[in-house]
Amino acid sequence: MAWPDLRPPGTKGIKRNLQGDVMSVHGIFNYQSPFISRTLVRNGKLYTNRDLRGSDDKIYGADWTATEAIVRNARLEEPFTLDVQGFSLHKESTAMSYNEFFLEDAILKKYHAEVAEVMKRLTGATYVVPFDHNLRSVGLQGSQKEIKGGAKCQQPAGMVHNDYTLTGGPLRFAQLGQPPKKNDSIQKADPALSEAIVKAGRAGRWAIINLWRNIRDKPVQVYPLACCDARTTSPEDLCVFEIHYADRVGENYFAVSSPEHRWYYYPDMKKDEVLLLKQWDSEGSLSGGTRAPFTLHSAFDDPSSPADAEDRESMEVRCICVWEK
């Protein structure tokens, strides 16, 4: 089974308010079928193989089901938070030029440091360590564009998923306290997380949070990112999906559709805005806490996009955040 295509827009169109603002649109999301095939699955799980450049093999065991859902304009709602809904939008400029987002050295030395400061200030975390990044664009992926000295550009992830699981999140935290694996963005002799940070995380609280940014001067109007309110996701909705790297196995969640899921997006995201996206939280509800554990998310084809809208180009940076107690 191949990776799913980004589906065309929903059939029920666009709802606007009296001021002409988009209130909601209908999007098509790639969920897993409730009757997902198990015939090609290892150990009862979905999986793929990822190479050292960040590209994936086909997906084994997947059974995609295109499902139409309402996607609401989060800009018209009450502010969302990481601890309640699992995502939040913030006004944050960047010192990075457009061309620097295509240079691995600039990303690692300049942008990671910038992201760490922004994340620390917005979350109140004691420690923030960026450890991974992806540049996404349909056009750049199709032209085989690469980050100089880094990985290939990837297309927007057009399936409902979360980057870590109940097992995979804690495993990744532990791995980052060890020497880097072959697929890790940061290839230094020392672990990404110091012993002090690992100790503080285990004694206190830690989370994996993505910082997502449009890297172009023009707003995102093609394949924006939609987030599912964490309060509307249940454990019964989740399917474990394994990613087989050269020297480790990671776990993501795929999901089956639920009428309870409430989807939101931020239309026309600008370069001076960042979306924080919860990927895992040691005090999340799946691990016995009360905070949002994560938010399912997916790119989708927005029917309100202008016909001449230019391609989305975005970068996400994954961070370990630790709060001391």
Protein backbone atom coordinates (compact mmCIF):
# COMPACT_ATOMS: atom_id res chain seq x y z
CA MET A 1 0.00 0.00 0.00
CA ALA A 2 1.43 3.39 -1.03
CA TRP A 3 1.32 6.57 1.01
CA PRO A 4 -2.07 8.24 0.48
CA ASP A 5 -2.53 11.20 -1.83
CA LEU A 6 -3.82 14.49 -0.47
CA ARG A 7 -7.51 14.25 -1.27
CA PRO A 8 -9.47 16.88 -3.21
CA PRO A 9 -11.63 19.31 -1.20
CA GLY A 10 -14.89 18.28 0.40
CA THR A 11 -18.15 18.55 -1.49
CA LYS A 12 -20.10 20.79 0.88
CA GLY A 13 -18.07 23.93 0.31
CA ILE A 14 -17.28 26.92 2.45
CA LYS A 15 -19.16 28.72 5.22
CA ARG A 16 -18.46 32.44 5.68
CA ASN A 17 -19.63 35.02 8.19
CA LEU A 18 -21.13 38.42 7.29
CA GLN A 19 -17.65 39.94 7.14
CA GLY A 20 -16.61 37.40 4.51
CA ASP A 21 -14.26 35.47 6.81
CA VAL A 22 -14.11 31.71 6.34
CA MET A 23 -15.84 30.14 9.34
CA SER A 24 -15.42 26.54 8.24
CA VAL A 25 -14.65 24.39 5.21
CA HIS A 26 -15.13 20.73 4.37
CA GLY A 27 -11.94 18.73 4.00
CA ILE A 28 -11.22 15.12 3.09
CA PHE A 29 -9.00 13.25 5.55
CA ASN A 30 -7.13 9.98 5.13
CA TYR A 31 -8.15 7.81 8.07
CA GLN A 32 -7.68 4.08 8.50
CA SER A 33 -10.61 1.79 7.85
CA PRO A 34 -12.29 0.33 10.96
CA PHE A 35 -11.80 -3.03 9.24
CA ILE A 36 -8.11 -2.51 8.55
CA SER A 37 -6.39 -5.46 6.88
CA ARG A 38 -3.89 -7.31 9.05
CA THR A 39 -2.49 -9.62 6.38
CA LEU A 40 0.74 -7.66 5.74
CA VAL A 41 1.34 -6.35 9.24
CA ARG A 42 4.26 -7.33 11.43
CA ASN A 43 3.28 -8.14 14.99
CA GLY A 44 -0.22 -6.82 14.36
CA LYS A 45 1.00 -3.31 13.47
CA LEU A 46 1.28 -1.12 10.40
CA TYR A 47 4.82 -0.31 9.29
CA THR A 48 7.12 1.27 6.74
CA ASN A 49 10.88 1.44 6.19
CA ARG A 50 12.63 4.84 6.21
CA ASP A 51 16.00 5.43 4.58
CA LEU A 52 18.82 7.69 5.78
CA ARG A 53 17.57 10.60 3.62
CA GLY A 54 14.17 10.64 5.27
CA SER A 55 12.23 8.91 2.48
CA ASP A 56 9.83 6.05 3.12
CA ASP A 57 9.05 2.72 1.53
CA LYS A 58 5.41 1.74 0.97
CA ILE A 59 3.15 1.26 3.97
CA TYR A 60 2.41 -2.34 4.85
CA GLY A 61 -1.04 -3.19 6.19
CA ALA A 62 -2.67 0.21 5.67
CA ASP A 63 -6.32 0.50 4.60
CA TRP A 64 -7.02 4.17 3.85
CA THR A 65 -10.55 5.53 4.08
CA ALA A 66 -11.25 9.03 2.76
CA THR A 67 -13.58 10.78 5.20
CA GLU A 68 -15.15 14.20 4.90
CA ALA A 69 -15.06 16.43 7.97
CA ILE A 70 -15.77 20.04 8.89
CA VAL A 71 -12.61 22.08 9.54
CA ARG A 72 -13.29 25.19 11.61
CA ASN A 73 -11.36 28.45 11.49
CA ALA A 74 -9.45 28.49 14.78
CA ARG A 75 -8.82 32.23 14.42
CA LEU A 76 -12.51 32.86 15.13
CA GLU A 77 -12.59 30.69 18.27
CA GLU A 78 -11.37 31.21 21.81
CA PRO A 79 -7.56 30.86 22.10
CA PHE A 80 -6.42 27.24 22.02
CA THR A 81 -3.76 25.92 24.39
CA LEU A 82 -1.29 23.05 24.41
CA ASP A 83 -2.61 21.67 27.69
CA VAL A 84 -6.30 21.68 26.70
CA GLN A 85 -6.64 21.20 22.93
CA GLY A 86 -3.01 20.23 22.22
CA PHE A 87 -2.08 23.12 19.88
CA SER A 88 -1.73 26.91 19.90
CA LEU A 89 -0.83 29.77 17.53
CA HIS A 90 1.60 32.56 18.37
CA LYS A 91 2.99 35.67 16.69
CA GLU A 92 6.74 35.06 16.42
CA SER A 93 9.08 36.46 13.79
CA THR A 94 12.26 34.72 12.62
CA ALA A 95 15.75 35.98 11.77
CA MET A 96 16.09 33.24 9.14
CA SER A 97 16.08 34.26 5.50
CA TYR A 98 14.23 32.08 2.99
CA ASN A 99 17.46 30.64 1.58
CA GLU A 100 18.79 29.73 5.03
CA PHE A 101 15.95 27.22 5.47
CA PHE A 102 17.67 25.17 2.75
CA LEU A 103 21.04 25.05 4.52
CA GLU A 104 21.46 22.35 7.17
CA ASP A 105 24.21 24.27 8.93
CA ALA A 106 22.01 27.38 9.29
CA ILE A 107 19.07 25.30 10.51
CA LEU A 108 21.12 23.50 13.15
CA LYS A 109 23.14 26.46 14.40
CA LYS A 110 20.79 29.39 13.92
CA TYR A 111 17.19 28.21 13.65
CA HIS A 112 17.35 25.50 16.32
CA ALA A 113 18.70 28.08 18.78
CA GLU A 114 15.91 30.49 17.83
CA VAL A 115 13.27 27.78 18.18
CA ALA A 116 14.59 26.77 21.60
CA GLU A 117 14.29 30.33 22.90
CA VAL A 118 10.79 30.77 21.49
CA MET A 119 9.62 27.43 22.85
CA LYS A 120 11.07 28.08 26.29
CA ARG A 121 9.36 31.46 26.50
CA LEU A 122 5.98 30.22 25.25
CA THR A 123 5.83 27.03 27.33
CA GLY A 124 7.76 27.98 30.47
CA ALA A 125 9.91 24.86 30.10
CA THR A 126 13.20 24.79 32.01
CA TYR A 127 15.02 23.08 29.14
CA VAL A 128 14.21 22.94 25.42
CA VAL A 129 16.25 20.82 23.02
CA PRO A 130 15.36 20.81 19.30
CA PHE A 131 16.33 17.43 17.88
CA ASP A 132 14.74 17.03 14.44
CA HIS A 133 13.31 19.05 11.54
CA ASN A 134 11.48 18.58 8.24
CA LEU A 135 10.94 20.86 5.26
CA ARG A 136 7.65 20.14 3.44
CA SER A 137 6.29 21.16 0.06
CA VAL A 138 4.53 19.33 -2.77
CA GLY A 139 6.53 21.20 -5.41
CA LEU A 140 9.90 20.88 -3.69
CA GLN A 141 9.38 17.19 -3.00
CA GLY A 142 8.39 16.62 -6.62
CA SER A 143 11.51 18.38 -7.89
CA GLN A 144 13.74 16.32 -5.52
CA LYS A 145 14.85 19.48 -3.69
CA GLU A 146 17.19 18.84 -0.77
CA ILE A 147 18.38 20.76 2.25
CA LYS A 148 22.07 21.31 1.48
CA GLY A 149 23.91 18.97 3.83
CA GLY A 150 20.63 17.49 5.09
CA ALA A 151 17.58 15.50 4.08
CA LYS A 152 15.29 15.64 1.08
CA CYS A 153 12.21 17.84 1.19
CA GLN A 154 9.06 15.89 2.02
CA GLN A 155 5.51 16.44 0.86
CA PRO A 156 2.90 17.58 3.42
CA ALA A 157 1.73 14.62 5.48
CA GLY A 158 -1.78 14.03 4.14
CA MET A 159 -2.94 11.42 6.63
CA VAL A 160 -4.43 11.63 10.12
CA HIS A 161 -1.60 10.84 12.50
CA ASN A 162 0.44 11.74 15.56
CA ASP A 163 4.23 11.47 15.66
CA TYR A 164 4.56 9.46 18.90
CA THR A 165 2.67 6.83 20.90
CA LEU A 166 2.32 5.68 24.50
CA THR A 167 5.38 3.48 23.90
CA GLY A 168 7.16 5.52 21.23
CA GLY A 169 7.25 8.84 23.09
CA PRO A 170 9.09 7.58 26.21
CA LEU A 171 11.34 5.42 24.02
CA ARG A 172 12.39 8.43 21.95
CA PHE A 173 13.07 10.44 25.10
CA ALA A 174 15.33 7.64 26.36
CA GLN A 175 17.11 7.31 22.99
CA LEU A 176 17.92 11.02 22.87
CA GLY A 177 19.86 10.55 26.10
CA GLN A 178 22.11 8.09 24.23
CA PRO A 179 24.59 8.60 21.34
CA PRO A 180 22.73 9.59 18.13
CA LYS A 181 21.15 7.03 15.83
CA LYS A 182 21.88 6.97 12.10
CA ASN A 183 18.69 8.84 11.13
CA ASP A 184 19.08 11.58 13.75
CA SER A 185 19.42 15.13 12.42
CA ILE A 186 22.09 16.01 14.95
CA GLN A 187 25.12 13.76 14.48
CA LYS A 188 27.38 14.67 17.40
CA ALA A 189 29.39 12.41 19.64
CA ASP A 190 27.43 13.45 22.71
CA PRO A 191 23.73 12.62 23.21
CA ALA A 192 21.20 15.32 22.32
CA LEU A 193 19.96 15.27 25.93
CA SER A 194 22.48 15.63 28.75
CA GLU A 195 22.28 13.44 31.84
CA ALA A 196 21.00 16.45 33.80
CA ILE A 197 18.11 17.02 31.37
CA VAL A 198 17.17 13.32 31.32
CA LYS A 199 17.22 13.23 35.11
CA ALA A 200 15.13 16.39 35.35
CA GLY A 201 12.59 14.99 32.87
CA ARG A 202 12.21 11.73 34.74
CA ALA A 203 11.80 13.54 38.06
CA GLY A 204 9.48 16.20 36.65
CA ARG A 205 7.60 16.55 33.38
CA TRP A 206 8.69 16.35 29.76
CA ALA A 207 6.95 16.71 26.41
CA ILE A 208 7.66 16.55 22.68
CA ILE A 209 6.31 19.65 20.94
CA ASN A 210 6.63 20.69 17.29
CA LEU A 211 7.10 24.27 16.17
CA TRP A 212 5.58 24.65 12.68
CA ARG A 213 6.29 27.68 10.49
CA ASN A 214 5.55 28.90 6.97
CA ILE A 215 8.98 29.81 5.53
CA ARG A 216 7.69 31.99 2.67
CA ASP A 217 6.73 35.67 2.72
CA LYS A 218 3.32 34.80 1.25
CA PRO A 219 0.68 33.18 3.52
CA VAL A 220 -0.04 29.46 3.39
CA GLN A 221 -3.06 28.91 1.14
CA VAL A 222 -2.34 25.41 -0.20
CA TYR A 223 -2.52 22.25 1.95
CA PRO A 224 -2.68 23.96 5.37
CA LEU A 225 -2.26 21.93 8.54
CA ALA A 226 -5.40 20.88 10.42
CA CYS A 227 -5.39 19.87 14.11
CA CYS A 228 -7.91 17.72 15.96
CA ASP A 229 -8.98 18.95 19.40
CA ALA A 230 -7.28 16.51 21.79
CA ARG A 231 -10.42 16.33 23.95
CA THR A 232 -12.31 14.68 21.07
CA THR A 233 -9.87 11.79 20.51
CA SER A 234 -10.27 8.45 22.31
CA PRO A 235 -7.77 5.58 22.66
CA GLU A 236 -10.18 3.42 20.65
CA ASP A 237 -9.56 5.68 17.63
CA LEU A 238 -5.83 4.93 17.47
CA CYS A 239 -3.75 2.48 15.39
CA VAL A 240 -0.02 1.99 16.05
CA PHE A 241 2.16 2.58 12.98
CA GLU A 242 5.83 1.53 13.09
CA ILE A 243 8.63 3.34 11.25
CA HIS A 244 11.65 1.07 10.73
CA TYR A 245 14.84 3.13 10.64
CA ALA A 246 18.35 1.80 10.03
CA ASP A 247 19.01 1.17 13.73
CA ARG A 248 15.77 1.79 15.62
CA VAL A 249 11.99 1.45 15.39
CA GLY A 250 9.71 4.44 16.03
CA GLU A 251 5.97 4.46 16.59
CA ASN A 252 3.32 6.88 15.30
CA TYR A 253 -0.43 6.80 15.65
CA PHE A 254 -2.77 6.57 12.69
CA ALA A 255 -6.48 6.85 13.46
CA VAL A 256 -9.91 5.63 12.46
CA SER A 257 -12.62 8.23 11.97
CA SER A 258 -14.94 9.26 14.77
CA PRO A 259 -17.94 11.63 14.68
CA GLU A 260 -16.53 13.14 17.87
CA HIS A 261 -13.41 14.50 16.16
CA ARG A 262 -13.41 18.31 15.88
CA TRP A 263 -10.96 19.72 13.36
CA TYR A 264 -9.47 23.24 13.26
CA TYR A 265 -6.99 25.18 11.15
CA TYR A 266 -5.47 28.64 10.92
CA PRO A 267 -6.08 30.02 7.40
CA ASP A 268 -3.37 32.12 5.74
CA MET A 269 -0.59 31.40 8.22
CA LYS A 270 2.18 33.95 7.77
CA LYS A 271 5.92 33.64 8.23
CA ASP A 272 5.78 35.59 11.49
CA GLU A 273 3.39 33.07 13.07
CA VAL A 274 4.21 29.71 14.64
CA LEU A 275 1.95 26.79 15.45
CA LEU A 276 2.90 24.74 18.50
CA LEU A 277 1.75 21.15 18.18
CA LYS A 278 1.79 18.71 21.11
CA GLN A 279 3.22 15.31 20.12
CA TRP A 280 3.55 13.69 23.53
CA ASP A 281 3.33 14.70 27.20
CA SER A 282 4.48 12.66 30.19
CA GLU A 283 1.55 14.18 32.10
CA GLY A 284 -0.93 13.57 29.29
CA SER A 285 -4.18 11.72 29.84
CA LEU A 286 -2.97 8.52 28.13
CA SER A 287 -0.21 8.20 30.72
CA GLY A 288 -2.40 8.95 33.72
CA GLY A 289 -2.26 12.75 33.77
CA THR A 290 -4.80 15.46 33.02
CA ARG A 291 -3.16 17.39 30.17
CA ALA A 292 -3.76 16.89 26.45
CA PRO A 293 -1.45 14.02 25.45
CA PHE A 294 -1.17 15.06 21.77
CA THR A 295 -3.21 16.30 18.84
CA LEU A 296 -3.92 14.27 15.72
CA HIS A 297 -3.09 16.34 12.65
CA SER A 298 -3.02 16.25 8.86
CA ALA A 299 -2.52 18.48 5.85
CA PHE A 300 -5.69 18.87 3.78
CA ASP A 301 -6.86 20.47 0.55
CA ASP A 302 -8.65 23.68 1.53
CA PRO A 303 -11.58 24.47 -0.82
CA SER A 304 -11.23 28.18 -0.03
CA SER A 305 -7.73 28.27 -1.54
CA PRO A 306 -7.49 30.66 -4.51
CA ALA A 307 -7.02 28.96 -7.87
CA ASP A 308 -3.68 30.76 -8.33
CA ALA A 309 -2.38 30.13 -4.79
CA GLU A 310 1.32 29.32 -4.61
CA ASP A 311 2.76 26.17 -3.11
CA ARG A 312 3.06 25.76 0.65
CA GLU A 313 6.61 25.58 2.00
CA SER A 314 6.86 24.91 5.74
CA MET A 315 9.34 23.72 8.33
CA GLU A 316 8.62 21.86 11.53
CA VAL A 317 11.11 21.40 14.36
CA ARG A 318 10.57 18.76 17.04
CA CYS A 319 11.67 19.72 20.54
CA ILE A 320 12.09 17.98 23.87
CA CYS A 321 10.72 20.27 26.59
CA VAL A 322 11.46 19.58 30.26
CA TRP A 323 9.93 21.24 33.32
CA GLU A 324 11.79 20.78 36.59
CA LYS A 325 9.86 20.15 39.78
